[in-house]
Protein backbone atom coordinates (compact mmCIF):
# COMPACT_ATOMS: atom_id res chain seq x y z
CA MET A 1 22.49 138.64 -53.73
CA SER A 2 19.54 136.27 -54.05
CA LYS A 3 21.88 133.29 -54.15
CA ASN A 4 23.58 134.48 -50.99
CA LYS A 5 20.25 134.91 -49.23
CA GLY A 6 19.19 131.46 -50.37
CA GLY A 7 22.44 129.99 -49.07
CA SER A 8 22.02 131.82 -45.77
CA LYS A 9 18.49 130.48 -45.36
CA ALA A 10 19.66 126.96 -46.19
CA PHE A 11 22.49 127.29 -43.66
CA ALA A 12 20.09 128.53 -40.99
CA ALA A 13 17.66 125.70 -41.72
CA LEU A 14 20.40 123.05 -41.58
CA GLN A 15 21.75 124.62 -38.38
CA ASN A 16 18.32 124.40 -36.76
CA VAL A 17 17.85 120.79 -37.83
CA GLY A 18 21.41 119.91 -36.82
CA LYS A 19 21.00 121.27 -33.30
CA THR A 20 17.97 119.02 -32.72
CA PHE A 21 20.20 116.00 -33.42
CA MET A 22 22.13 116.80 -30.25
CA LEU A 23 19.13 115.89 -28.07
CA PRO A 24 19.16 112.13 -28.76
CA ILE A 25 22.92 112.12 -29.40
CA ALA A 26 23.38 113.36 -25.83
CA LEU A 27 21.87 110.05 -24.67
CA LEU A 28 24.39 107.95 -26.55
CA PRO A 29 27.36 108.30 -24.17
CA VAL A 30 25.29 106.99 -21.25
CA ALA A 31 23.55 104.34 -23.36
CA GLY A 32 26.88 103.32 -24.85
CA LEU A 33 28.41 103.17 -21.38
CA PHE A 34 25.68 100.80 -20.20
CA LEU A 35 25.92 98.71 -23.35
CA GLY A 36 29.72 98.69 -23.39
CA ILE A 37 30.09 97.67 -19.75
CA GLY A 38 27.25 95.17 -19.91
CA ALA A 39 28.38 93.53 -23.14
CA SER A 40 32.11 93.62 -22.40
CA PHE A 41 31.95 92.05 -18.94
CA THR A 42 29.37 89.41 -19.87
CA GLY A 43 31.07 88.36 -23.12
CA ALA A 44 32.00 84.69 -23.13
CA SER A 45 35.48 85.40 -24.51
CA PHE A 46 36.21 88.01 -21.82
CA ILE A 47 35.03 85.72 -18.99
CA LYS A 48 37.01 82.79 -20.35
CA MET A 49 40.14 84.87 -20.97
CA TYR A 50 40.34 86.07 -17.37
CA HIS A 51 38.87 82.89 -15.75
CA LEU A 52 35.95 84.78 -14.21
CA GLU A 53 33.28 82.09 -14.60
CA SER A 54 32.57 81.98 -10.87
CA VAL A 55 32.12 85.78 -10.67
CA LEU A 56 30.70 86.85 -14.03
CA GLY A 57 29.55 83.58 -15.60
CA PRO A 58 25.94 82.84 -16.57
CA GLY A 59 23.70 82.53 -13.54
CA THR A 60 25.81 84.73 -11.25
CA PHE A 61 24.41 87.88 -9.63
CA LEU A 62 26.85 90.17 -11.46
CA ASN A 63 26.01 88.57 -14.79
CA HIS A 64 22.31 89.22 -14.28
CA LEU A 65 23.01 92.80 -13.18
CA LEU A 66 25.28 93.51 -16.14
CA MET A 67 22.75 92.01 -18.55
CA ILE A 68 20.27 94.62 -17.28
CA PHE A 69 22.83 97.32 -18.14
CA ASN A 70 23.23 95.71 -21.56
CA ASP A 71 19.50 95.72 -22.24
CA CYS A 72 19.10 99.30 -21.00
CA GLY A 73 21.79 100.48 -23.41
CA SER A 74 20.40 98.44 -26.30
CA VAL A 75 16.91 99.93 -26.04
CA ILE A 76 18.29 103.40 -26.86
CA PHE A 77 20.22 102.25 -29.93
CA ASN A 78 17.32 100.09 -31.13
CA ASN A 79 14.86 103.01 -31.06
CA LEU A 80 16.90 105.94 -32.24
CA GLY A 81 14.46 106.65 -35.08
CA LEU A 82 11.68 107.25 -32.55
CA LEU A 83 13.92 109.45 -30.42
CA PHE A 84 14.94 111.53 -33.43
CA ALA A 85 11.32 112.02 -34.49
CA VAL A 86 10.44 113.40 -31.07
CA SER A 87 13.60 115.51 -30.73
CA VAL A 88 13.20 117.12 -34.17
CA ALA A 89 9.64 118.15 -33.34
CA LEU A 90 10.62 119.30 -29.85
CA GLY A 91 13.56 121.33 -31.10
CA LEU A 92 11.88 123.01 -34.07
CA ALA A 93 8.47 123.77 -32.57
CA LYS A 94 7.90 127.50 -32.24
CA SER A 95 5.58 127.07 -29.26
CA GLU A 96 3.78 124.31 -27.31
CA LYS A 97 6.83 122.07 -27.70
CA GLY A 98 5.37 119.24 -25.63
CA VAL A 99 2.36 118.99 -27.94
CA ALA A 100 4.66 118.96 -30.97
CA ALA A 101 6.69 116.11 -29.45
CA LEU A 102 3.50 114.12 -28.77
CA SER A 103 2.38 114.70 -32.36
CA ALA A 104 5.66 113.30 -33.70
CA LEU A 105 5.35 110.28 -31.39
CA VAL A 106 1.85 109.56 -32.67
CA GLY A 107 2.93 110.16 -36.26
CA TYR A 108 5.87 107.77 -35.91
CA PHE A 109 3.74 104.89 -34.64
CA MET A 110 1.07 105.58 -37.27
CA MET A 111 3.73 105.56 -39.98
CA TYR A 112 4.97 102.11 -38.93
CA ALA A 113 1.44 100.73 -38.51
CA THR A 114 0.46 101.92 -41.99
CA MET A 115 3.70 100.83 -43.62
CA THR A 116 3.55 97.34 -42.08
CA SER A 117 -0.08 96.86 -43.04
CA ALA A 118 0.42 98.21 -46.56
CA ILE A 119 3.27 95.74 -47.17
CA VAL A 120 0.90 92.85 -46.45
CA ASN A 121 -2.33 94.16 -47.98
CA PHE A 122 -0.84 95.40 -51.24
CA GLY A 123 1.12 92.22 -51.91
CA GLU A 124 4.60 93.63 -51.33
CA LEU A 125 5.59 91.13 -48.63
CA GLY A 126 6.74 88.38 -50.99
CA ARG A 127 8.73 90.76 -53.18
CA LEU A 128 10.51 92.37 -50.23
CA LYS A 129 11.37 88.98 -48.75
CA LYS A 130 13.12 88.08 -52.01
CA ILE A 131 15.27 91.23 -51.86
CA GLY A 132 16.59 90.25 -48.45
CA GLY A 133 17.81 92.45 -45.63
CA LEU A 134 14.88 94.87 -45.85
CA LEU A 135 12.34 93.24 -43.53
CA THR A 136 12.71 93.14 -39.78
CA ASP A 137 10.69 93.10 -36.56
CA MET A 138 10.56 96.24 -34.40
CA LEU A 139 8.26 98.25 -32.16
CA GLY A 140 5.97 95.22 -31.94
CA PHE A 141 5.49 95.11 -35.72
CA THR A 142 6.36 91.95 -37.66
CA ASN A 143 7.77 92.01 -41.20
CA THR A 144 8.16 95.75 -41.31
CA MET A 145 11.02 97.89 -42.61
CA ASN A 146 13.46 99.71 -40.34
CA THR A 147 13.59 103.26 -41.70
CA GLY A 148 16.01 104.13 -38.92
CA VAL A 149 16.96 107.72 -38.21
CA PHE A 150 15.88 108.81 -41.70
CA GLY A 151 12.31 107.75 -40.99
CA GLY A 152 12.32 109.51 -37.64
CA ILE A 153 13.63 112.76 -39.10
CA PHE A 154 11.19 112.49 -42.03
CA ILE A 155 8.07 112.17 -39.90
CA GLY A 156 9.39 114.57 -37.26
CA LEU A 157 9.87 117.34 -39.82
CA ILE A 158 6.39 116.83 -41.27
CA CYS A 159 4.73 116.78 -37.86
CA VAL A 160 6.51 119.90 -36.60
CA TRP A 161 5.67 121.74 -39.83
CA LEU A 162 1.99 120.89 -39.38
CA HIS A 163 2.18 121.82 -35.69
CA ASN A 164 3.74 125.23 -36.32
CA LYS A 165 1.19 125.94 -39.03
CA TYR A 166 -1.97 124.76 -37.29
CA TYR A 167 -1.53 124.74 -33.51
CA LYS A 168 -3.68 127.90 -33.30
CA ILE A 169 -6.33 126.72 -35.77
CA LYS A 170 -9.95 127.51 -34.93
CA PHE A 171 -13.00 125.40 -35.86
CA PRO A 172 -16.74 126.08 -35.66
CA ASP A 173 -18.23 125.81 -32.18
CA ALA A 174 -19.63 122.33 -32.81
CA ILE A 175 -16.16 120.89 -33.30
CA SER A 176 -14.09 123.56 -31.51
CA PHE A 177 -12.72 120.91 -29.12
CA PHE A 178 -10.55 119.60 -31.94
CA GLY A 179 -8.99 122.99 -32.64
CA GLY A 180 -5.82 124.59 -31.31
CA THR A 181 -3.23 122.28 -29.80
CA HIS A 182 -5.72 119.37 -29.85
CA PHE A 183 -5.40 119.35 -33.62
CA SER A 184 -1.63 118.78 -33.64
CA PRO A 185 -1.68 115.07 -32.62
CA ILE A 186 -4.55 114.50 -35.06
CA ALA A 187 -2.50 116.10 -37.84
CA GLY A 188 0.48 114.01 -36.76
CA ALA A 189 -1.59 110.83 -36.99
CA LEU A 190 -2.81 111.72 -40.48
CA ALA A 191 0.75 112.59 -41.52
CA GLY A 192 1.89 109.21 -40.21
CA ILE A 193 -0.74 107.37 -42.25
CA VAL A 194 0.19 109.19 -45.46
CA GLY A 195 3.92 108.91 -44.69
CA GLY A 196 3.64 105.20 -43.92
CA PHE A 197 1.81 104.50 -47.16
CA ILE A 198 4.47 106.37 -49.12
CA MET A 199 7.29 104.61 -47.25
CA ALA A 200 5.83 101.17 -47.98
CA PHE A 201 6.58 101.65 -51.68
CA LEU A 202 9.37 104.24 -51.62
CA TRP A 203 11.60 103.02 -48.80
CA PRO A 204 12.84 99.83 -50.53
CA TYR A 205 14.34 102.01 -53.29
CA ILE A 206 15.73 104.53 -50.77
CA ALA A 207 17.23 101.70 -48.73
CA MET A 208 18.86 100.13 -51.76
CA GLY A 209 20.09 103.56 -52.88
CA ILE A 210 21.76 104.49 -49.61
CA ALA A 211 23.15 100.99 -49.32
CA GLY A 212 24.63 101.54 -52.77
CA LEU A 213 26.19 104.83 -51.64
CA GLY A 214 27.80 103.07 -48.72
CA THR A 215 29.02 100.37 -51.07
CA LEU A 216 30.44 103.03 -53.40
CA ILE A 217 32.41 104.63 -50.56
CA GLY A 218 33.50 101.17 -49.48
CA LYS A 219 34.64 100.32 -53.00
CA SER A 220 36.39 103.68 -53.27
CA GLY A 221 38.81 102.23 -50.78
CA TYR A 222 41.07 104.59 -48.94
CA PHE A 223 40.03 107.57 -51.09
CA GLY A 224 36.42 107.17 -49.92
CA THR A 225 37.59 106.85 -46.32
CA PHE A 226 39.79 109.95 -46.69
CA PHE A 227 36.91 111.92 -48.23
CA TYR A 228 34.51 111.00 -45.40
CA ALA A 229 36.93 112.01 -42.65
CA TYR A 230 37.95 115.27 -44.34
CA VAL A 231 34.39 116.49 -44.90
CA TYR A 232 33.42 115.39 -41.38
CA ARG A 233 36.05 117.62 -39.82
CA ALA A 234 35.81 120.47 -42.31
CA LEU A 235 32.17 121.02 -41.32
CA ILE A 236 32.99 121.49 -37.62
CA PRO A 237 33.22 125.33 -37.80
CA PHE A 238 29.74 125.51 -39.33
CA GLY A 239 28.20 123.14 -36.81
CA LEU A 240 26.85 121.02 -39.67
CA HIS A 241 28.97 117.91 -39.10
CA HIS A 242 26.02 116.18 -37.40
CA VAL A 243 24.04 116.43 -40.62
CA PHE A 244 26.89 114.80 -42.56
CA TYR A 245 27.99 111.93 -40.34
CA LEU A 246 24.61 110.80 -39.01
CA PRO A 247 23.62 108.80 -42.14
CA PHE A 248 26.92 106.88 -41.94
CA TRP A 249 26.45 106.17 -38.24
CA GLN A 250 22.79 105.26 -38.22
CA THR A 251 21.71 104.18 -41.73
CA ALA A 252 22.73 101.77 -44.46
CA VAL A 253 25.08 104.42 -45.88
CA GLY A 254 27.49 103.26 -43.15
CA GLY A 255 27.06 99.61 -44.08
CA THR A 256 24.85 96.62 -43.30
CA ALA A 257 25.66 93.45 -41.41
CA THR A 258 23.98 90.38 -39.95
CA VAL A 259 24.70 90.14 -36.23
CA ALA A 260 23.26 87.35 -34.07
CA GLY A 261 20.79 86.54 -36.83
CA LYS A 262 19.50 90.11 -37.17
CA SER A 263 20.04 92.55 -40.04
CA ILE A 264 21.74 95.68 -38.68
CA VAL A 265 22.19 98.95 -40.58
CA GLY A 266 24.48 101.86 -39.71
CA ALA A 267 28.12 101.75 -38.65
CA GLN A 268 27.49 102.66 -35.01
CA ASN A 269 24.63 100.18 -34.69
CA ILE A 270 26.79 97.44 -36.22
CA VAL A 271 29.66 98.10 -33.81
CA PHE A 272 27.44 98.03 -30.73
CA ALA A 273 25.47 95.02 -31.91
CA GLN A 274 28.75 93.16 -32.32
CA LEU A 275 29.84 94.32 -28.87
CA ALA A 276 26.60 93.04 -27.38
CA ALA A 277 26.92 89.72 -29.24
CA GLY A 278 30.53 89.20 -28.17
CA GLN A 279 31.73 89.17 -31.78
CA LYS A 280 34.85 90.62 -33.33
CA ILE A 281 34.26 94.27 -34.21
CA SER A 282 34.11 95.01 -37.92
CA TRP A 283 36.88 97.44 -38.81
CA GLU A 284 34.88 98.40 -41.92
CA ALA A 285 32.18 99.82 -39.62
CA ALA A 286 34.55 101.12 -36.96
CA ARG A 287 36.58 103.12 -39.50
CA TYR A 288 33.91 105.82 -39.23
CA PHE A 289 34.96 106.29 -35.59
CA ALA A 290 38.42 104.93 -34.88
CA PHE A 291 40.22 107.59 -36.92
CA GLN A 292 39.44 110.17 -34.24
CA PHE A 293 41.44 108.54 -31.44
CA PRO A 294 44.94 109.33 -32.78
CA VAL A 295 44.04 113.01 -33.22
CA MET A 296 42.00 113.51 -30.05
CA ILE A 297 44.48 111.75 -27.77
CA GLY A 298 47.73 112.52 -29.59
CA GLY A 299 47.31 115.23 -32.21
CA PHE A 300 45.46 117.99 -30.37
CA PRO A 301 47.61 117.91 -27.21
CA ALA A 302 50.67 118.10 -29.48
CA ALA A 303 49.19 121.07 -31.35
CA ALA A 304 48.57 122.78 -27.99
CA LEU A 305 52.17 122.07 -26.95
CA ALA A 306 53.41 123.56 -30.22
CA MET A 307 51.30 126.68 -29.60
CA TYR A 308 52.74 126.96 -26.10
CA HIS A 309 56.34 126.65 -27.29
CA CYS A 310 55.68 129.19 -30.06
CA ALA A 311 54.12 131.72 -27.67
CA LYS A 312 56.13 134.72 -26.51
CA LYS A 313 57.91 133.94 -23.27
CA ASN A 314 56.13 136.73 -21.42
CA LYS A 315 52.76 135.33 -22.48
CA ARG A 316 53.30 131.61 -21.94
CA LYS A 317 52.00 131.77 -18.40
CA ASP A 318 48.77 133.36 -19.64
CA VAL A 319 47.99 130.58 -22.13
CA LYS A 320 49.46 127.60 -20.31
CA GLY A 321 46.46 126.93 -18.09
CA LEU A 322 43.81 126.86 -20.77
CA LEU A 323 45.94 125.06 -23.34
CA LEU A 324 46.64 122.39 -20.73
CA SER A 325 43.02 122.06 -19.63
CA SER A 326 41.81 121.98 -23.24
CA SER A 327 44.35 119.26 -24.01
CA LEU A 328 43.21 117.14 -21.06
CA THR A 329 39.60 117.59 -22.15
CA SER A 330 40.52 116.41 -25.65
CA ILE A 331 42.46 113.42 -24.32
CA LEU A 332 39.80 112.23 -21.89
CA THR A 333 36.53 113.10 -23.64
CA GLY A 334 37.40 113.99 -27.25
CA ILE A 335 35.83 117.46 -26.96
CA THR A 336 38.15 119.66 -29.00
CA GLU A 337 36.31 122.78 -30.12
CA PRO A 338 38.26 125.29 -27.98
CA LEU A 339 41.49 124.10 -29.62
CA GLU A 340 39.99 123.70 -33.09
CA PHE A 341 38.59 127.21 -33.17
CA THR A 342 41.88 128.56 -31.92
CA ILE A 343 43.48 126.87 -34.95
CA LEU A 344 40.79 128.19 -37.29
CA PHE A 345 41.01 131.80 -36.16
CA ALA A 346 44.79 131.73 -36.22
CA SER A 347 44.72 130.59 -39.85
CA PRO A 348 41.96 129.06 -42.02
CA PHE A 349 44.70 127.35 -44.02
CA LEU A 350 46.09 125.79 -40.83
CA PHE A 351 42.63 124.38 -40.13
CA TRP A 352 41.36 123.27 -43.55
CA GLY A 353 44.66 122.89 -45.36
CA ILE A 354 46.67 121.09 -42.68
CA HIS A 355 44.58 119.96 -39.71
CA CYS A 356 41.67 118.49 -41.72
CA VAL A 357 44.08 116.76 -44.10
CA LEU A 358 46.01 115.16 -41.24
CA PHE A 359 42.69 114.15 -39.70
CA ALA A 360 41.60 112.49 -42.93
CA PHE A 361 44.86 110.55 -43.24
CA SER A 362 44.18 109.16 -39.77
CA ALA A 363 41.09 107.46 -41.23
CA VAL A 364 43.27 105.87 -43.90
CA PHE A 365 45.78 104.63 -41.31
CA VAL A 366 43.16 103.02 -39.02
CA SER A 367 41.70 101.28 -42.06
CA LEU A 368 45.11 99.97 -43.09
CA LEU A 369 45.65 98.68 -39.55
CA LYS A 370 42.09 97.24 -39.38
CA ILE A 371 41.33 98.85 -36.03
CA GLY A 372 37.85 98.06 -34.69
CA VAL A 373 37.36 100.57 -31.86
CA GLY A 374 34.08 102.50 -31.86
CA PHE A 375 32.61 105.15 -29.59
CA THR A 376 29.33 106.83 -28.68
CA PHE A 377 30.29 110.51 -28.50
CA SER A 378 33.89 111.28 -29.39
CA GLY A 379 37.26 109.61 -29.62
CA GLY A 380 38.70 110.26 -26.18
CA LEU A 381 40.60 107.96 -23.84
CA LEU A 382 37.47 106.98 -21.91
CA ASP A 383 35.79 105.65 -25.05
CA MET A 384 39.00 103.93 -26.13
CA ILE A 385 39.13 102.03 -22.84
CA LEU A 386 35.42 101.15 -22.86
CA TYR A 387 35.14 100.09 -26.49
CA GLY A 388 38.69 99.08 -27.30
CA VAL A 389 40.60 97.87 -24.27
CA LEU A 390 37.82 96.20 -22.29
CA PRO A 391 36.35 94.16 -25.17
CA GLY A 392 39.87 92.85 -25.78
CA GLN A 393 42.66 93.02 -28.34
CA ALA A 394 41.36 90.02 -30.25
CA ARG A 395 38.05 91.76 -30.93
CA THR A 396 39.17 95.37 -31.50
CA ASN A 397 42.92 95.42 -32.30
CA TRP A 398 43.16 98.45 -29.99
CA LEU A 399 46.90 98.00 -29.46
CA ALA A 400 47.50 99.25 -33.00
CA LEU A 401 46.17 102.63 -31.86
CA VAL A 402 49.03 103.14 -29.40
CA PRO A 403 51.89 103.65 -31.92
CA LEU A 404 49.50 105.59 -34.16
CA ILE A 405 48.67 107.97 -31.30
CA LEU A 406 52.38 108.49 -30.60
CA PHE A 407 53.03 109.06 -34.31
CA TYR A 408 50.25 111.66 -34.48
CA PHE A 409 51.59 113.42 -31.41
CA ALA A 410 54.96 113.89 -33.13
CA LEU A 411 53.37 114.70 -36.50
CA TYR A 412 51.05 117.41 -35.16
CA TYR A 413 53.75 118.94 -32.98
CA PHE A 414 56.34 119.37 -35.74
CA VAL A 415 53.88 120.34 -38.48
CA PHE A 416 52.11 122.89 -36.31
CA ARG A 417 55.29 124.37 -34.90
CA PHE A 418 56.75 124.71 -38.38
CA ALA A 419 53.59 126.33 -39.78
CA ILE A 420 53.17 128.73 -36.85
CA GLU A 421 56.76 129.97 -37.01
CA LYS A 422 57.06 129.91 -40.82
CA PHE A 423 53.91 131.95 -41.45
CA ASN A 424 53.98 133.91 -38.17
CA LEU A 425 50.48 132.78 -37.22
CA LYS A 426 48.76 134.55 -34.32
CA THR A 427 48.12 131.54 -32.13
CA PRO A 428 47.58 132.15 -28.38
CA GLY A 429 50.52 134.03 -26.89
CA ARG A 430 51.82 135.35 -30.23
CA GLU A 431 49.58 138.41 -30.40
CA ASP A 432 50.98 141.91 -30.34
CA ASP A 433 51.90 143.11 -26.87
CA ASP A 434 48.84 145.36 -26.69
CA GLU A 435 46.49 142.48 -27.51
CA THR A 436 45.22 139.78 -25.23
CA ALA A 437 45.45 136.11 -26.08
CA THR A 438 42.58 134.54 -28.00
CA LEU A 439 42.03 131.96 -25.28
CA HIS A 440 41.58 133.13 -21.73
CA THR A 441 42.47 131.53 -18.42
CA LYS A 442 39.87 130.94 -15.74
CA LYS A 443 41.34 133.87 -13.82
CA ASP A 444 40.86 136.12 -16.86
CA TYR A 445 37.29 134.96 -17.22
CA VAL A 446 36.44 135.59 -13.57
CA SER A 447 38.13 138.98 -13.72
CA GLU A 448 36.13 139.95 -16.80
CA LYS A 449 32.93 138.70 -15.22
CA ASN A 450 33.54 140.70 -12.08
CA GLY A 451 34.34 143.76 -14.16
CA ALA A 452 31.18 143.31 -16.17
CA SER A 453 29.09 142.97 -13.02
CA ALA A 454 29.13 146.74 -12.84
CA ASN A 455 26.46 146.48 -15.53
CA ALA A 456 24.34 144.52 -13.02
CA GLU A 457 23.80 141.53 -15.33
CA GLY A 458 27.45 140.65 -16.07
CA ILE A 459 28.46 138.19 -18.78
CA PRO A 460 24.93 137.38 -20.06
CA ALA A 461 24.30 141.09 -20.71
CA MET A 462 27.62 141.39 -22.55
CA ILE A 463 26.79 138.35 -24.72
CA VAL A 464 23.36 139.73 -25.59
CA SER A 465 24.93 143.11 -26.32
CA GLY A 466 27.50 141.44 -28.57
CA LEU A 467 24.64 139.78 -30.45
CA GLY A 468 23.06 143.16 -31.13
CA GLY A 469 20.71 143.34 -28.17
CA LYS A 470 17.56 141.47 -27.20
CA ASP A 471 15.54 142.90 -30.07
CA ASN A 472 18.03 141.51 -32.59
CA ILE A 473 17.75 137.92 -31.32
CA SER A 474 15.05 135.82 -33.00
CA THR A 475 16.06 132.34 -31.79
CA PHE A 476 18.45 131.12 -29.10
CA GLU A 477 19.75 127.63 -28.36
CA ALA A 478 22.66 126.29 -26.30
CA CYS A 479 24.16 122.99 -27.47
CA ALA A 480 27.15 120.96 -26.29
CA THR A 481 29.87 123.51 -27.06
CA ARG A 482 28.31 126.64 -28.56
CA LEU A 483 25.42 129.07 -28.54
CA ARG A 484 23.36 128.85 -31.74
CA VAL A 485 21.54 132.12 -32.33
CA GLY A 486 19.26 133.43 -35.04
CA VAL A 487 19.57 137.19 -35.46
CA LYS A 488 17.58 139.72 -37.47
CA ASP A 489 20.55 141.88 -38.48
CA PRO A 490 23.92 140.07 -38.54
CA SER A 491 25.80 143.30 -39.34
CA ILE A 492 25.43 144.57 -35.75
CA VAL A 493 26.92 141.44 -34.15
CA LYS A 494 30.09 142.49 -32.31
CA LYS A 495 32.66 139.70 -32.38
CA ASP A 496 35.09 141.65 -30.18
CA VAL A 497 32.49 141.95 -27.42
CA LEU A 498 31.69 138.23 -27.62
CA LYS A 499 35.41 137.44 -27.54
CA SER A 500 35.76 139.44 -24.33
CA THR A 501 33.20 137.17 -22.66
CA GLY A 502 35.49 134.16 -23.15
CA ALA A 503 34.24 132.99 -26.56
CA VAL A 504 36.80 131.01 -28.50
CA GLY A 505 35.31 132.24 -31.75
CA THR A 506 32.17 133.50 -33.46
CA VAL A 507 30.85 132.26 -36.80
CA VAL A 508 28.33 134.44 -38.64
CA HIS A 509 26.67 133.04 -41.74
CA GLY A 510 23.59 134.86 -42.94
CA THR A 511 21.24 135.24 -39.98
CA GLY A 512 22.78 132.27 -38.19
CA VAL A 513 25.37 132.98 -35.49
CA GLN A 514 27.40 130.45 -33.52
CA VAL A 515 29.34 131.61 -30.46
CA ILE A 516 31.79 128.92 -29.38
CA TYR A 517 32.66 128.51 -25.68
CA GLY A 518 33.54 124.83 -25.46
CA THR A 519 32.34 122.97 -22.37
CA LYS A 520 31.73 126.27 -20.52
CA VAL A 521 28.55 126.67 -22.54
CA SER A 522 26.73 124.36 -20.10
CA THR A 523 26.78 127.18 -17.55
CA ILE A 524 26.79 130.15 -19.90
CA GLY A 525 23.76 128.96 -21.91
CA PRO A 526 21.29 128.86 -18.99
CA GLU A 527 22.53 132.25 -17.73
CA VAL A 528 21.88 133.89 -21.10
CA SER A 529 18.53 132.08 -21.37
CA ASP A 530 17.48 133.45 -17.98
CA TYR A 531 18.58 136.92 -19.03
CA LEU A 532 16.58 136.67 -22.25
CA GLY A 533 13.65 135.04 -20.52
CA VAL A 534 13.59 132.05 -22.90
CA GLU A 535 14.12 128.31 -22.61
CA SER A 536 17.62 127.16 -23.72
């Protein structure tokens, strides 16, 4: 029992940390759009290829304008550590969130100031220069070390812990001004000094260690690539995939490279630095992204088509609309959770034993084909065009994705149709006649909402009721595709009630509950927040 409680607490803690990652990650599609458009249309090879010197060449109005887009996108990717420090503190603060965010900001700058000074004053500068690849210039500091997202999360967690513990602290009258919320930035500054001193001596070993892990995965060849992609997708139901993939995307675990004379760490940073520099995109870095395109654009729509063809004829009309809309969402944006949770709740084996395995093989295939297409958010068609087609075939080898997407469409369709019919899986439209389909159409949703309005509060009241009532809810957060809720008593959570509100699925692990709605959560989340009287 104690082990289970410990695991539940660990899950809840990771869930809370993971949800804070979505704050800066939400910036990446826009930043990537600016960077992708700016870099792609100002690249010398692109301009020369299409003879656009007079329109987009150096010195033209459009070139200057697009360079501004490029620089605006780059500033986000170059300062992700700072953004993560602030977002972790903002997301995990129990109260006075703005003060917590300020504390993390102060702590982050203090950490870099201390670390940079300690490197010089304790004689580490010469040794670190000999190692190579560790020293860089950033945030106005010269010959410092880029701790990246790890450093931001590290100082953010310390600062928010101090904030939650001491933001109500009281001092004697003579120094009472420094008490309460005024103490949080002071504590953050002190934490930054201590953290920076520790990082000055510890980070070189951490950096070499995580670089070694990335090298190990790289040397593991296709097995390492398969392992990464499988775990990445297998964690989707638990909402912990952000915790797993972030080190590969933003730290040396995902590789290191020298681009335009600068040392770059993290697969995503490498890809976008190469985009900005007009270089050929490294397929070794892009393999952490490109494997999603065949499944998002080809595999999921095919799985949806298989579900439709396997549905009972009298129920096909009921599921057609949402399966189609979910497929289009997957194709265009790469958001797939409505379809993935339909697969999971139809059969865990279909999800982890078939879907995740096929997903992982996609990573092997894109590595074999040396495809260099990256993305900012997910592997949909929009990202494929921006970061594959527009930079050009010579730089990204995006054409190799086309037959792979077609292959995955056929593969997913036949495998899913066989599995559904062979094992009689209850995918949408295959339920017993007295049951409704797992996914609901918009008409069903509106009808249920109107029916629930007899309770005066409608869907939000039903969701809260399904979670055990207001008194059972300890924390509430709406992220990109799901509601993340902390509850006091998970045994009174009613999955059937939550399902009736349009939820694709509900995951309960310890005191952590995730109610999955897909993209509808952007409207559902604020409604429930208003009903609860909390900030989402």
